[in-house]
Protein backbone atom coordinates (compact mmCIF):
# COMPACT_ATOMS: atom_id res chain seq x y z
CA UNK A 1 6.51 -9.87 120.11
CA UNK A 2 6.46 -10.83 116.44
CA UNK A 3 8.65 -13.77 115.35
CA UNK A 4 9.99 -11.76 112.31
CA UNK A 5 12.90 -9.50 113.00
CA UNK A 6 12.39 -5.78 112.03
CA UNK A 7 15.16 -4.51 109.70
CA UNK A 8 17.77 -2.35 111.26
CA UNK A 9 18.65 1.19 110.10
CA UNK A 10 21.29 0.20 107.54
CA UNK A 11 18.98 -2.17 105.71
CA UNK A 12 16.22 0.43 105.59
CA UNK A 13 18.63 2.93 104.08
CA UNK A 14 19.63 0.47 101.37
CA UNK A 15 16.02 -0.17 100.39
CA UNK A 16 15.29 3.54 100.11
CA UNK A 17 18.33 4.04 97.90
CA UNK A 18 17.30 1.09 95.71
CA UNK A 19 13.80 2.54 95.23
CA UNK A 20 15.29 5.92 94.34
CA UNK A 21 17.61 4.36 91.75
CA UNK A 22 14.75 2.47 90.13
CA UNK A 23 12.63 5.62 89.95
CA UNK A 24 15.51 7.53 88.35
CA UNK A 25 15.90 4.83 85.68
CA UNK A 26 12.18 4.96 84.97
CA UNK A 27 12.32 8.73 84.61
CA UNK A 28 15.37 8.52 82.34
CA UNK A 29 13.71 5.87 80.12
CA UNK A 30 10.51 7.91 79.95
CA UNK A 31 12.46 11.03 79.00
CA UNK A 32 14.38 9.19 76.31
CA UNK A 33 11.13 7.80 74.89
CA UNK A 34 9.63 11.27 74.72
CA UNK A 35 12.74 12.58 73.01
CA UNK A 36 12.63 9.77 70.45
CA UNK A 37 8.96 10.40 69.74
CA UNK A 38 9.53 14.11 69.31
CA UNK A 39 12.51 13.37 67.05
CA UNK A 40 10.43 11.12 64.81
CA UNK A 41 7.87 13.87 64.49
CA UNK A 42 10.60 16.16 63.20
CA UNK A 43 11.33 13.75 60.31
CA UNK A 44 7.73 12.79 59.55
CA UNK A 45 6.28 13.56 56.05
CA UNK A 46 4.90 17.05 55.80
CA UNK A 47 1.36 17.44 54.54
CA UNK A 48 1.35 18.25 50.80
CA UNK A 49 -0.47 21.36 49.70
CA UNK A 50 -3.83 20.54 48.18
CA UNK A 51 -3.81 20.83 44.36
CA UNK A 52 -6.60 22.63 42.61
CA UNK A 53 -8.76 20.72 40.12
CA UNK A 54 -7.37 22.75 37.20
CA UNK A 55 -3.80 21.84 38.16
CA UNK A 56 -4.35 18.11 38.72
CA UNK A 57 -6.84 17.05 36.05
CA UNK A 58 -5.74 16.05 32.55
CA UNK A 59 -8.27 16.56 29.77
CA UNK A 60 -8.69 14.93 26.36
CA UNK A 61 -10.10 16.65 23.31
CA UNK A 62 -10.69 15.53 19.70
CA UNK A 63 -10.45 17.77 16.66
CA UNK A 64 -8.38 18.91 13.69
CA UNK A 65 -5.10 20.75 14.22
CA UNK A 66 -4.67 23.91 12.17
CA UNK A 67 -2.64 27.11 12.21
CA UNK A 68 -3.84 30.46 13.55
CA UNK A 69 -0.93 32.81 12.95
CA UNK A 70 -3.13 35.89 13.18
CA UNK A 71 -4.69 34.95 16.53
CA UNK A 72 -3.59 37.59 19.08
CA UNK A 73 -4.37 37.09 22.74
CA UNK A 74 -5.05 39.57 25.54
CA UNK A 75 -1.45 39.67 26.74
CA UNK A 76 -0.22 40.53 23.27
CA UNK A 77 1.36 37.17 22.44
CA UNK A 78 0.52 35.24 19.29
CA UNK A 79 -0.16 31.50 19.17
CA UNK A 80 0.48 29.36 16.10
CA UNK A 81 -2.02 26.53 16.50
CA UNK A 82 -5.70 25.94 17.15
CA UNK A 83 -7.79 22.79 17.48
CA UNK A 84 -11.03 22.79 15.49
CA UNK A 85 -13.40 20.85 17.72
CA UNK A 86 -16.14 18.59 16.40
CA UNK A 87 -18.71 20.98 17.88
CA UNK A 88 -17.57 23.66 15.43
CA UNK A 89 -15.76 25.83 17.99
CA UNK A 90 -11.98 26.09 18.37
CA UNK A 91 -9.42 26.39 21.16
CA UNK A 92 -5.85 27.68 21.15
CA UNK A 93 -3.23 25.00 21.76
CA UNK A 94 0.49 24.97 22.39
CA UNK A 95 3.14 22.44 23.39
CA UNK A 96 6.77 22.30 24.42
CA UNK A 97 7.03 18.51 24.04
CA UNK A 98 5.08 17.80 20.83
CA UNK A 99 5.78 19.05 17.30
CA UNK A 100 2.26 20.26 16.52
CA UNK A 101 3.25 21.20 12.97
CA UNK A 102 3.46 17.49 12.22
CA UNK A 103 -0.27 17.07 12.91
CA UNK A 104 -1.43 20.06 10.87
CA UNK A 105 -4.77 19.30 9.14
CA UNK A 106 -4.92 15.92 10.89
CA UNK A 107 -7.73 14.63 13.07
CA UNK A 108 -6.21 13.87 16.47
CA UNK A 109 -6.92 13.32 20.15
CA UNK A 110 -4.88 15.61 22.40
CA UNK A 111 -4.24 15.27 26.12
CA UNK A 112 -3.14 18.12 28.37
CA UNK A 113 -4.15 20.92 30.73
CA UNK A 114 -5.51 24.42 30.50
CA UNK A 115 -3.17 27.34 31.12
CA UNK A 116 -5.56 29.71 32.86
CA UNK A 117 -3.39 32.80 32.45
CA UNK A 118 -3.31 32.73 28.64
CA UNK A 119 -6.42 30.66 27.91
CA UNK A 120 -4.26 28.18 26.03
CA UNK A 121 -4.55 24.41 26.23
CA UNK A 122 -1.06 22.99 26.79
CA UNK A 123 -0.68 19.67 24.95
CA UNK A 124 1.33 16.86 26.56
CA UNK A 125 0.42 14.02 24.21
CA UNK A 126 -1.11 13.60 20.73
CA UNK A 127 -2.71 10.48 19.26
CA UNK A 128 -3.37 10.44 15.52
CA UNK A 129 -6.82 9.10 14.67
CA UNK A 130 -5.71 8.05 11.20
CA UNK A 131 -7.71 8.97 8.08
CA UNK A 132 -4.97 11.34 6.89
CA UNK A 133 -4.10 9.10 3.93
CA UNK A 134 -7.70 8.38 2.92
CA UNK A 135 -8.38 11.59 0.97
CA UNK A 136 -6.26 11.74 -2.20
CA UNK A 137 -5.10 14.46 -4.56
CA UNK A 138 -4.37 13.67 -8.23
CA UNK A 139 -0.92 14.85 -9.38
CA UNK A 140 -0.01 15.10 -13.07
CA UNK A 141 3.28 16.15 -14.64
CA UNK A 142 3.37 16.13 -18.46
CA UNK A 143 7.10 16.94 -18.63
CA UNK A 144 7.74 13.94 -16.39
CA UNK A 145 5.14 11.89 -18.24
CA UNK A 146 3.36 10.49 -15.19
CA UNK A 147 0.36 10.96 -12.94
CA UNK A 148 -0.51 9.45 -9.57
CA UNK A 149 -2.50 10.02 -6.39
CA UNK A 150 -1.11 11.00 -2.99
CA UNK A 151 -2.62 11.99 0.40
CA UNK A 152 -4.09 15.49 0.16
CA UNK A 153 -2.63 16.75 3.45
CA UNK A 154 0.91 15.72 2.50
CA UNK A 155 3.44 18.13 1.01
CA UNK A 156 4.61 17.70 -2.61
CA UNK A 157 7.55 19.60 -4.09
CA UNK A 158 9.10 19.46 -7.56
CA UNK A 159 12.87 19.81 -7.33
CA UNK A 160 15.94 19.76 -9.56
CA UNK A 161 19.46 18.80 -8.53
CA UNK A 162 22.79 20.28 -9.63
CA UNK A 163 22.90 17.97 -12.66
CA UNK A 164 19.52 19.19 -13.85
CA UNK A 165 17.70 15.94 -13.02
CA UNK A 166 14.12 16.45 -11.91
CA UNK A 167 12.43 14.72 -9.00
CA UNK A 168 9.13 14.83 -7.15
CA UNK A 169 9.46 14.72 -3.35
CA UNK A 170 6.57 14.06 -0.98
CA UNK A 171 6.63 14.25 2.83
CA UNK A 172 3.83 13.73 5.37
CA UNK A 173 4.65 17.03 7.08
CA UNK A 174 7.31 19.72 7.42
CA UNK A 175 9.64 19.63 10.41
CA UNK A 176 12.37 21.83 11.83
CA UNK A 177 13.34 19.13 14.30
CA UNK A 178 14.94 16.54 12.01
CA UNK A 179 14.30 14.16 9.13
CA UNK A 180 10.86 12.82 8.21
CA UNK A 181 9.62 9.96 6.05
CA UNK A 182 9.88 10.79 2.35
CA UNK A 183 8.61 9.49 -0.99
CA UNK A 184 10.63 10.34 -4.10
CA UNK A 185 9.92 9.87 -7.80
CA UNK A 186 12.96 10.20 -10.08
CA UNK A 187 13.63 9.72 -13.78
CA UNK A 188 16.95 8.73 -15.40
CA UNK A 189 18.13 8.39 -18.99
CA UNK A 190 17.94 4.87 -20.43
CA UNK A 191 19.18 5.28 -24.00
CA UNK A 192 19.83 1.56 -24.39
CA UNK A 193 16.19 0.85 -23.51
CA UNK A 194 17.18 -1.65 -20.84
CA UNK A 195 14.54 -3.43 -18.78
CA UNK A 196 14.52 -2.62 -15.04
CA UNK A 197 16.21 -5.96 -14.38
CA UNK A 198 18.96 -5.23 -16.90
CA UNK A 199 19.28 -1.65 -15.67
CA UNK A 200 20.01 -2.93 -12.14
CA UNK A 201 22.47 -5.56 -13.38
CA UNK A 202 20.43 -8.59 -12.30
CA UNK A 203 20.36 -12.05 -13.85
CA UNK A 204 17.26 -13.99 -14.95
CA UNK A 205 16.60 -15.03 -11.33
CA UNK A 206 16.89 -11.40 -10.18
CA UNK A 207 20.20 -11.98 -8.45
CA UNK A 208 22.77 -9.15 -8.47
CA UNK A 209 26.16 -9.57 -10.11
CA UNK A 210 29.33 -9.51 -8.01
CA UNK A 211 29.99 -5.92 -9.09
CA UNK A 212 26.53 -4.89 -7.91
CA UNK A 213 27.09 -6.68 -4.59
CA UNK A 214 30.36 -4.81 -4.06
CA UNK A 215 28.68 -1.50 -4.88
CA UNK A 216 25.88 -2.29 -2.43
CA UNK A 217 28.41 -3.08 0.28
CA UNK A 218 29.77 0.46 0.03
CA UNK A 219 26.50 2.31 -0.48
CA UNK A 220 23.94 0.07 1.16
CA UNK A 221 21.57 0.84 3.99
CA UNK A 222 23.12 1.20 7.42
CA UNK A 223 20.93 -0.26 10.14
CA UNK A 224 20.18 1.68 13.27
CA UNK A 225 21.42 -0.98 15.70
CA UNK A 226 24.62 -2.33 14.14
CA UNK A 227 27.49 -1.06 12.06
CA UNK A 228 26.97 -3.61 9.28
CA UNK A 229 25.29 -2.86 5.97
CA UNK A 230 22.05 -4.55 4.97
CA UNK A 231 22.25 -6.39 1.65
CA UNK A 232 19.42 -5.32 -0.70
CA UNK A 233 16.76 -7.81 -1.77
CA UNK A 234 15.48 -7.77 -5.38
CA UNK A 235 12.08 -9.11 -6.47
CA UNK A 236 10.08 -9.26 -9.68
CA UNK A 237 7.00 -7.04 -9.43
CA UNK A 238 4.24 -5.28 -11.36
CA UNK A 239 3.09 -1.76 -10.53
CA UNK A 240 0.73 0.95 -11.70
CA UNK A 241 -2.71 0.92 -13.22
CA UNK A 242 -1.29 -0.72 -16.37
CA UNK A 243 0.49 -3.39 -14.31
CA UNK A 244 3.89 -2.54 -15.80
CA UNK A 245 6.77 -4.95 -15.21
CA UNK A 246 9.03 -3.64 -12.47
CA UNK A 247 11.76 -4.59 -10.02
CA UNK A 248 11.28 -4.12 -6.29
CA UNK A 249 14.37 -3.41 -4.19
CA UNK A 250 14.29 -3.37 -0.38
CA UNK A 251 16.84 -2.53 2.29
CA UNK A 252 15.52 -4.24 5.43
CA UNK A 253 12.58 -2.25 6.79
CA UNK A 254 14.20 1.11 6.05
CA UNK A 255 13.60 1.69 2.34
CA UNK A 256 11.59 0.28 -0.57
CA UNK A 257 12.24 1.12 -4.23
CA UNK A 258 10.42 0.25 -7.47
CA UNK A 259 12.05 0.56 -10.91
CA UNK A 260 9.99 0.70 -14.10
CA UNK A 261 11.00 1.55 -17.69
CA UNK A 262 9.40 3.66 -20.40
CA UNK A 263 10.99 4.27 -23.80
CA UNK A 264 14.42 5.80 -23.05
CA UNK A 265 13.75 6.42 -19.36
CA UNK A 266 13.89 4.55 -16.06
CA UNK A 267 11.56 5.72 -13.29
CA UNK A 268 12.34 5.09 -9.64
CA UNK A 269 9.69 5.26 -6.88
CA UNK A 270 11.20 5.13 -3.39
CA UNK A 271 10.10 5.41 0.23
CA UNK A 272 12.60 6.07 3.02
CA UNK A 273 11.42 5.77 6.61
CA UNK A 274 13.04 7.31 9.69
CA UNK A 275 11.33 4.78 11.98
CA UNK A 276 8.47 7.16 12.72
CA UNK A 277 5.66 5.94 14.96
CA UNK A 278 3.36 6.13 11.90
CA UNK A 279 5.81 4.36 9.56
CA UNK A 280 3.30 1.61 8.73
CA UNK A 281 0.70 4.21 7.73
CA UNK A 282 3.26 5.95 5.51
CA UNK A 283 4.45 2.70 3.90
CA UNK A 284 0.85 1.77 3.03
CA UNK A 285 0.34 5.22 1.49
CA UNK A 286 3.49 4.68 -0.61
CA UNK A 287 2.20 1.36 -1.94
CA UNK A 288 -1.12 3.02 -2.79
CA UNK A 289 0.72 5.78 -4.67
CA UNK A 290 2.78 3.28 -6.66
CA UNK A 291 -0.28 1.27 -7.64
CA UNK A 292 -2.16 4.40 -8.75
CA UNK A 293 0.52 5.76 -11.11
CA UNK A 294 0.07 5.93 -14.89
CA UNK A 295 2.24 7.03 -17.79
CA UNK A 296 0.79 9.96 -19.76
CA UNK A 297 1.89 11.57 -23.06
CA UNK A 298 4.92 13.83 -22.81
CA UNK A 299 4.45 17.58 -23.35
CA UNK A 300 7.48 19.82 -23.66
CA UNK A 301 5.74 23.19 -23.40
CA UNK A 302 2.99 22.69 -20.88
CA UNK A 303 1.68 26.01 -19.62
CA UNK A 304 2.72 28.14 -22.63
CA UNK A 305 0.05 30.09 -24.46
CA UNK A 306 -1.06 29.16 -27.95
CA UNK A 307 -1.50 31.95 -30.51
CA UNK A 308 -4.94 32.30 -32.02
CA UNK A 309 -5.31 33.29 -35.66
CA UNK A 310 -7.44 36.45 -35.99
CA UNK A 311 -9.26 37.17 -39.27
CA UNK A 312 -11.06 40.33 -40.41
CA UNK A 313 -14.81 39.76 -40.45
CA UNK A 314 -16.42 39.81 -43.89
CA UNK A 315 -18.77 42.63 -44.85
CA UNK A 316 -22.27 41.96 -43.65
CA UNK A 317 -24.90 41.27 -46.25
CA UNK A 318 -28.45 42.58 -45.99
CA UNK A 319 -30.68 40.13 -44.24
CA UNK A 320 -33.25 38.43 -46.41
CA UNK A 321 -36.90 38.86 -45.57
CA UNK A 322 -38.67 35.55 -45.57
CA UNK A 323 -42.38 35.27 -46.20
CA UNK A 324 -44.40 33.99 -43.31
CA UNK A 325 -45.49 30.42 -43.69
CA UNK A 326 -48.82 29.05 -42.63
CA UNK A 327 -48.29 26.73 -39.66
CA UNK A 328 -49.17 23.13 -40.25
CA UNK A 329 -50.90 20.86 -37.83
CA UNK A 330 -48.31 18.86 -35.90
CA UNK A 331 -48.47 15.09 -36.25
CA UNK A 332 -47.10 12.52 -33.83
CA UNK A 333 -45.14 9.77 -35.54
CA UNK A 334 -45.51 6.20 -34.35
CA UNK A 335 -42.25 4.74 -32.97
CA UNK A 336 -40.54 2.59 -35.55
CA UNK A 337 -39.01 -0.82 -34.96
CA UNK A 338 -35.58 0.82 -35.07
CA UNK A 339 -36.58 3.26 -32.33
CA UNK A 340 -37.83 0.42 -30.14
CA UNK A 341 -34.59 -1.50 -30.66
CA UNK A 342 -32.56 1.57 -29.69
CA UNK A 343 -34.64 2.13 -26.56
CA UNK A 344 -34.33 -1.52 -25.57
CA UNK A 345 -30.58 -1.44 -26.18
CA UNK A 346 -30.21 1.73 -24.12
CA UNK A 347 -32.18 0.19 -21.25
CA UNK A 348 -29.97 -2.91 -21.26
CA UNK A 349 -26.83 -0.75 -21.27
CA UNK A 350 -28.13 1.28 -18.33
CA UNK A 351 -28.97 -1.88 -16.40
CA UNK A 352 -25.54 -3.34 -17.14
CA UNK A 353 -23.85 -0.10 -16.01
CA UNK A 354 -25.84 -0.07 -12.76
CA UNK A 355 -25.00 -3.73 -12.19
CA UNK A 356 -21.30 -3.06 -12.79
CA UNK A 357 -21.36 -0.07 -10.44
CA UNK A 358 -22.93 -2.13 -7.65
CA UNK A 359 -20.35 -4.87 -8.18
CA UNK A 360 -17.49 -2.35 -8.01
CA UNK A 361 -18.85 -0.90 -4.77
CA UNK A 362 -19.23 -4.35 -3.24
CA UNK A 363 -15.69 -5.31 -4.23
CA UNK A 364 -14.35 -2.05 -2.79
CA UNK A 365 -16.13 -2.86 0.50
CA UNK A 366 -14.34 -6.22 0.69
CA UNK A 367 -10.97 -4.79 -0.38
CA UNK A 368 -11.11 -2.09 2.31
CA UNK A 369 -12.01 -4.68 4.94
CA UNK A 370 -9.17 -6.98 3.88
CA UNK A 371 -6.60 -4.16 3.91
CA UNK A 372 -7.69 -3.08 7.38
CA UNK A 373 -7.83 -6.59 8.87
CA UNK A 374 -5.05 -8.46 7.04
CA UNK A 375 -3.13 -8.78 10.32
CA UNK A 376 -5.96 -10.91 11.73
CA UNK A 377 -6.79 -12.73 8.49
CA UNK A 378 -3.18 -13.87 7.98
CA UNK A 379 -2.24 -17.09 9.84
CA UNK A 380 1.19 -15.83 10.85
CA UNK A 381 2.71 -12.56 12.02
CA UNK A 382 4.92 -10.45 9.76
CA UNK A 383 8.70 -10.38 10.19
CA UNK A 384 10.06 -8.62 13.25
CA UNK A 385 9.43 -4.91 12.81
CA UNK A 386 7.38 -5.49 9.65
CA UNK A 387 3.71 -5.20 8.74
CA UNK A 388 1.63 -7.13 6.22
CA UNK A 389 0.53 -5.06 3.19
CA UNK A 390 -2.12 -6.30 0.75
CA UNK A 391 -0.89 -6.15 -2.86
CA UNK A 392 -3.42 -8.12 -4.96
CA UNK A 393 -6.88 -9.65 -4.65
CA UNK A 394 -8.64 -12.15 -6.92
CA UNK A 395 -12.42 -12.49 -6.79
CA UNK A 396 -13.42 -16.07 -7.74
CA UNK A 397 -16.83 -16.72 -9.31
CA UNK A 398 -18.71 -19.11 -11.65
CA UNK A 399 -17.92 -18.50 -15.31
CA UNK A 400 -19.65 -15.40 -16.64
CA UNK A 401 -21.16 -14.40 -13.26
CA UNK A 402 -18.71 -12.04 -11.50
CA UNK A 403 -21.46 -10.73 -9.20
CA UNK A 404 -21.74 -14.21 -7.65
CA UNK A 405 -18.19 -14.33 -6.28
CA UNK A 406 -17.84 -16.90 -3.49
CA UNK A 407 -14.14 -16.72 -2.63
CA UNK A 408 -11.27 -14.22 -2.63
CA UNK A 409 -7.55 -14.86 -3.03
CA UNK A 410 -5.40 -12.29 -1.19
CA UNK A 411 -1.70 -11.71 -1.87
CA UNK A 412 0.26 -9.74 0.73
CA UNK A 413 3.84 -9.07 1.85
CA UNK A 414 5.91 -7.30 4.50
CA UNK A 415 8.92 -6.24 2.44
CA UNK A 416 10.65 -9.61 3.00
CA UNK A 417 8.13 -12.42 2.66
CA UNK A 418 5.21 -12.90 0.26
CA UNK A 419 2.13 -14.87 1.24
CA UNK A 420 -1.31 -15.73 -0.14
CA UNK A 421 -4.57 -16.84 1.47
CA UNK A 422 -7.95 -17.99 0.16
CA UNK A 423 -11.01 -16.58 1.92
CA UNK A 424 -14.50 -18.07 1.64
CA UNK A 425 -17.27 -15.45 1.41
CA UNK A 426 -20.26 -16.18 3.64
CA UNK A 427 -22.42 -13.09 3.09
CA UNK A 428 -21.66 -10.57 0.30
CA UNK A 429 -23.19 -7.79 2.39
CA UNK A 430 -20.91 -8.55 5.36
CA UNK A 431 -17.14 -8.70 4.68
CA UNK A 432 -16.65 -9.83 8.27
CA UNK A 433 -18.29 -13.15 7.37
CA UNK A 434 -15.18 -14.30 5.46
CA UNK A 435 -13.23 -17.30 6.73
CA UNK A 436 -9.77 -18.54 5.69
CA UNK A 437 -9.83 -21.91 3.91
CA UNK A 438 -6.30 -22.10 2.44
CA UNK A 439 -2.83 -20.67 3.01
CA UNK A 440 -0.05 -20.46 0.37
CA UNK A 441 3.70 -19.80 0.36
CA UNK A 442 5.99 -19.10 -2.63
CA UNK A 443 6.89 -22.39 -4.29
CA UNK A 444 10.14 -23.66 -5.69
CA UNK A 445 8.56 -25.33 -8.72
CA UNK A 446 5.53 -23.09 -9.19
CA UNK A 447 4.42 -19.64 -8.13
CA UNK A 448 2.56 -20.79 -5.01
CA UNK A 449 2.60 -23.97 -2.93
CA UNK A 450 -0.35 -24.69 -0.65
CA UNK A 451 0.83 -24.78 2.98
CA UNK A 452 -2.49 -25.62 4.63
CA UNK A 453 -6.17 -26.00 3.80
CA UNK A 454 -7.72 -26.74 0.41
CA UNK A 455 -7.75 -24.64 -2.78
CA UNK A 456 -11.50 -24.93 -3.31
CA UNK A 457 -11.72 -22.07 -5.85
CA UNK A 458 -9.04 -23.30 -8.24
CA UNK A 459 -11.46 -24.12 -11.07
CA UNK A 460 -13.45 -20.87 -10.86
CA UNK A 461 -13.08 -17.83 -13.09
CA UNK A 462 -11.23 -14.97 -11.40
CA UNK A 463 -10.92 -11.21 -11.55
CA UNK A 464 -7.48 -9.97 -10.48
CA UNK A 465 -7.13 -6.47 -9.06
CA UNK A 466 -4.07 -4.70 -7.76
CA UNK A 467 -4.98 -2.90 -4.57
CA UNK A 468 -4.94 0.91 -4.92
CA UNK A 469 -7.16 3.73 -3.70
CA UNK A 470 -7.29 5.18 -7.18
CA UNK A 471 -8.17 3.66 -10.53
CA UNK A 472 -7.68 -0.11 -10.89
CA UNK A 473 -7.12 -2.24 -13.94
CA UNK A 474 -9.00 -5.52 -13.90
CA UNK A 475 -7.58 -8.72 -15.37
CA UNK A 476 -10.11 -11.53 -15.83
CA UNK A 477 -8.56 -14.96 -15.31
CA UNK A 478 -10.52 -17.68 -17.07
CA UNK A 479 -11.98 -20.68 -15.27
CA UNK A 480 -9.37 -23.27 -14.38
CA UNK A 481 -6.48 -20.99 -15.40
CA UNK A 482 -3.69 -19.11 -13.61
CA UNK A 483 -1.92 -15.90 -14.62
CA UNK A 484 1.79 -16.11 -15.50
CA UNK A 485 4.03 -13.07 -16.05
CA UNK A 486 6.64 -14.04 -18.65
CA UNK A 487 8.82 -11.04 -17.84
CA UNK A 488 11.64 -11.99 -20.21
CA UNK A 489 9.18 -11.66 -23.10
CA UNK A 490 7.28 -8.79 -21.43
CA UNK A 491 3.96 -10.62 -21.77
CA UNK A 492 1.32 -12.21 -19.56
CA UNK A 493 -0.47 -15.46 -20.38
CA UNK A 494 -2.91 -17.77 -18.64
CA UNK A 495 -2.10 -21.46 -18.29
CA UNK A 496 -4.06 -24.32 -16.66
CA UNK A 497 -4.20 -23.84 -12.89
CA UNK A 498 -2.70 -27.30 -12.28
CA UNK A 499 0.37 -26.69 -14.46
CA UNK A 500 3.90 -25.86 -13.31
CA UNK A 501 6.22 -23.53 -15.22
CA UNK A 502 9.90 -22.59 -15.33
CA UNK A 503 12.21 -20.27 -17.30
CA UNK A 504 14.85 -22.37 -19.07
CA UNK A 505 17.35 -21.49 -21.82
CA UNK A 506 15.64 -18.33 -22.99
CA UNK A 507 12.12 -19.80 -23.00
CA UNK A 508 9.40 -21.12 -20.71
CA UNK A 509 8.65 -24.79 -20.08
CA UNK A 510 5.35 -26.13 -18.73
CA UNK A 511 4.38 -29.44 -17.15
CA UNK A 512 1.70 -31.10 -15.03
CA UNK A 513 4.47 -31.82 -12.47
CA UNK A 514 7.40 -29.77 -11.16
CA UNK A 515 9.23 -28.94 -14.40
CA UNK A 516 12.27 -30.95 -15.50
CA UNK A 517 13.82 -31.47 -18.92
CA UNK A 518 12.20 -34.92 -19.07
CA UNK A 519 8.59 -34.08 -18.17
CA UNK A 520 8.09 -30.83 -20.15
CA UNK A 521 4.88 -31.09 -22.18
CA UNK A 522 4.74 -27.60 -23.77
CA UNK A 523 7.35 -24.86 -24.34
CA UNK A 524 6.95 -21.14 -25.08
CA UNK A 525 9.42 -19.29 -27.33
CA UNK A 526 9.61 -15.87 -28.95
CA UNK A 527 10.32 -15.78 -32.70
CA UNK A 528 11.01 -13.06 -35.27
CA UNK A 529 7.87 -13.57 -37.37
CA UNK A 530 5.38 -16.14 -38.60
CA UNK A 531 7.24 -16.27 -41.92
CA UNK A 532 10.53 -17.10 -40.21
CA UNK A 533 8.87 -19.97 -38.33
CA UNK A 534 7.39 -21.44 -41.51
CA UNK A 535 10.67 -21.11 -43.42
CA UNK A 536 12.81 -22.81 -40.77
CA UNK A 537 14.38 -25.96 -42.34
CA UNK A 538 12.91 -29.20 -41.12
CA UNK A 539 9.79 -27.65 -39.62
CA UNK A 540 6.35 -29.16 -40.11
CA UNK A 541 3.71 -27.86 -42.49
CA UNK A 542 1.44 -25.11 -41.15
CA UNK A 543 -2.06 -23.86 -41.78
CA UNK A 544 -3.01 -20.26 -41.27
CA UNK A 545 -5.50 -19.48 -38.52
CA UNK A 546 -6.79 -16.62 -36.40
CA UNK A 547 -6.30 -16.39 -32.63
CA UNK A 548 -8.10 -13.70 -30.62
CA UNK A 549 -8.39 -11.55 -33.76
CA UNK A 550 -4.70 -11.87 -34.65
CA UNK A 551 -2.84 -13.81 -37.33
CA UNK A 552 -1.61 -17.24 -36.38
CA UNK A 553 -0.38 -20.57 -37.69
CA UNK A 554 -0.95 -24.11 -36.49
CA UNK A 555 0.52 -27.55 -37.12
CA UNK A 556 -0.15 -30.94 -35.56
CA UNK A 557 1.78 -33.31 -37.81
CA UNK A 558 3.38 -36.37 -36.24
CA UNK A 559 3.50 -36.42 -32.45
CA UNK A 560 4.30 -32.73 -32.06
CA UNK A 561 1.91 -29.82 -32.14
CA UNK A 562 2.72 -26.14 -32.56
CA UNK A 563 0.67 -22.94 -32.42
CA UNK A 564 2.03 -19.43 -33.08
CA UNK A 565 0.48 -15.97 -32.83
CA UNK A 566 1.70 -12.69 -34.28
CA UNK A 567 1.52 -10.07 -31.54
CA UNK A 568 2.17 -6.34 -31.66
CA UNK A 569 5.71 -6.70 -30.30
CA UNK A 570 6.74 -10.15 -31.46
CA UNK A 571 5.70 -13.63 -32.53
CA UNK A 572 5.09 -16.20 -29.79
CA UNK A 573 4.96 -19.97 -30.27
CA UNK A 574 3.87 -22.87 -28.10
CA UNK A 575 5.12 -26.32 -29.08
CA UNK A 576 4.89 -29.76 -27.51
CA UNK A 577 2.75 -32.86 -27.22
CA UNK A 578 0.07 -32.55 -29.93
CA UNK A 579 -2.62 -33.77 -27.52
CA UNK A 580 -2.38 -30.29 -25.95
CA UNK A 581 -2.89 -28.44 -29.26
CA UNK A 582 -6.27 -27.03 -28.16
CA UNK A 583 -4.82 -25.96 -24.80
CA UNK A 584 -2.00 -24.15 -26.64
CA UNK A 585 -4.54 -22.16 -28.64
CA UNK A 586 -6.47 -21.24 -25.48
CA UNK A 587 -3.25 -20.10 -23.80
CA UNK A 588 -2.30 -17.82 -26.72
CA UNK A 589 -5.83 -16.37 -26.72
CA UNK A 590 -5.01 -14.87 -23.31
CA UNK A 591 -1.76 -13.22 -24.47
CA UNK A 592 -1.22 -9.68 -23.14
CA UNK A 593 1.79 -7.66 -24.27
């Protein structure tokens, strides 16, 4: 018999029950697991229906947006717009999210999908490819007395307000969805013949009076982010082909205005932006328009017909019969010395014209490059929200050889700050070869202070051009000289490049150092006439002379020298240390009224 005791009946029953309980728990756990798994499957992500290629794929197309009001489709509906593709074909386009009218006649890239039912391309996004401001249209208004150039695809309207004042309004496009950027040209009466500075109530430093400040506080420009008004900024400026003296007025980045006078009128050029995505493009186009404007003769009855005097024809007389003449043998004359001189002169003129044309084309190449790349050429970024705009360029070259320019001065601004850089030209056939060698900021004692680099072209002759897509007026700045706008006298003169200048007590003082009352070496004044200068008690004795083809007088007695010139609009005198008597004459030779 085995040593282990066999379990009795009660113990066997307990073991069977224990096994049964364990099996039940296993079954319950398994059932719960299956339920949980089936429950998770109920909440699992359902398979998405497969999208067709036409529904899922966005397409991009490039072309010119235009209207097609007469295009009728198979279902009887009309569509307003088409895209003229570069291949020459066209497609119908529509959009519920983009104002296609804004891009009319513009070259764009569109992104969207085909609508198979109507064969229409539905546009979701439009990217302007620029170029819309490159092609210009010349506008001329003889009643207004002006002409200028503006982008051909823009919309120009002549309007008149309730007071009968005329204005010319230009917008990039028409919109039924709100305001758009606008350029306005207005003319106001100026019977007192005030200068733009006087018209705006500014002092000699172009600062507004307290009354003007109060008026600006109630009618100034309201910014889009705060409830405070932006105080306007006034700056001396020159605009137009003739480089007319003007005042520039800016309200932050929202609006820019230029004021210029003519006879008994004040003209105002203004650009108001609505913070459009293309606001920089529009602001550049405005500056181009302002620089292209010219005054033209007034005409009160433009467009009216002129009567033609009609006379009764006289009675015809019998024609005379002439006897036939015996033809003579033709002889060929030898060219005379005069003929040879004329031919040689004509050839030289043609060569000079061709040379000038090539130079103009080369300069235009550099100007276009600078305008496009000023953001990269400038050493610092524009003010927040602003963009650098090129305003003037000066080509520097050896005296008498403009085609051999080796450096270019560039003036630019962003509506707040003005800057200037000097670029060295590496290869005249490659504008991209230019490198920056100097950087300037507006100075306190002179027009520009050098901030970095070296002014290596200071002694060279220069050709100043105001940047505009239309006609440009060139001002040649002599070697070693700088151009000064004496706005109080409404003249421009050239002084030595190393000199400083300042407006003091109704005249202009010049010095080789920052100007003070102690170090002034030469002063410029405006007088009534040459006779009044000579008859002034206590003045020195004068000798008559001629300066740049105009009457003048000169004196160098004692330690003081004086030179005067009789201009078309006044008599101008330079007086000071007699050792600068020759420099005074050279300065007055450059006088421009």
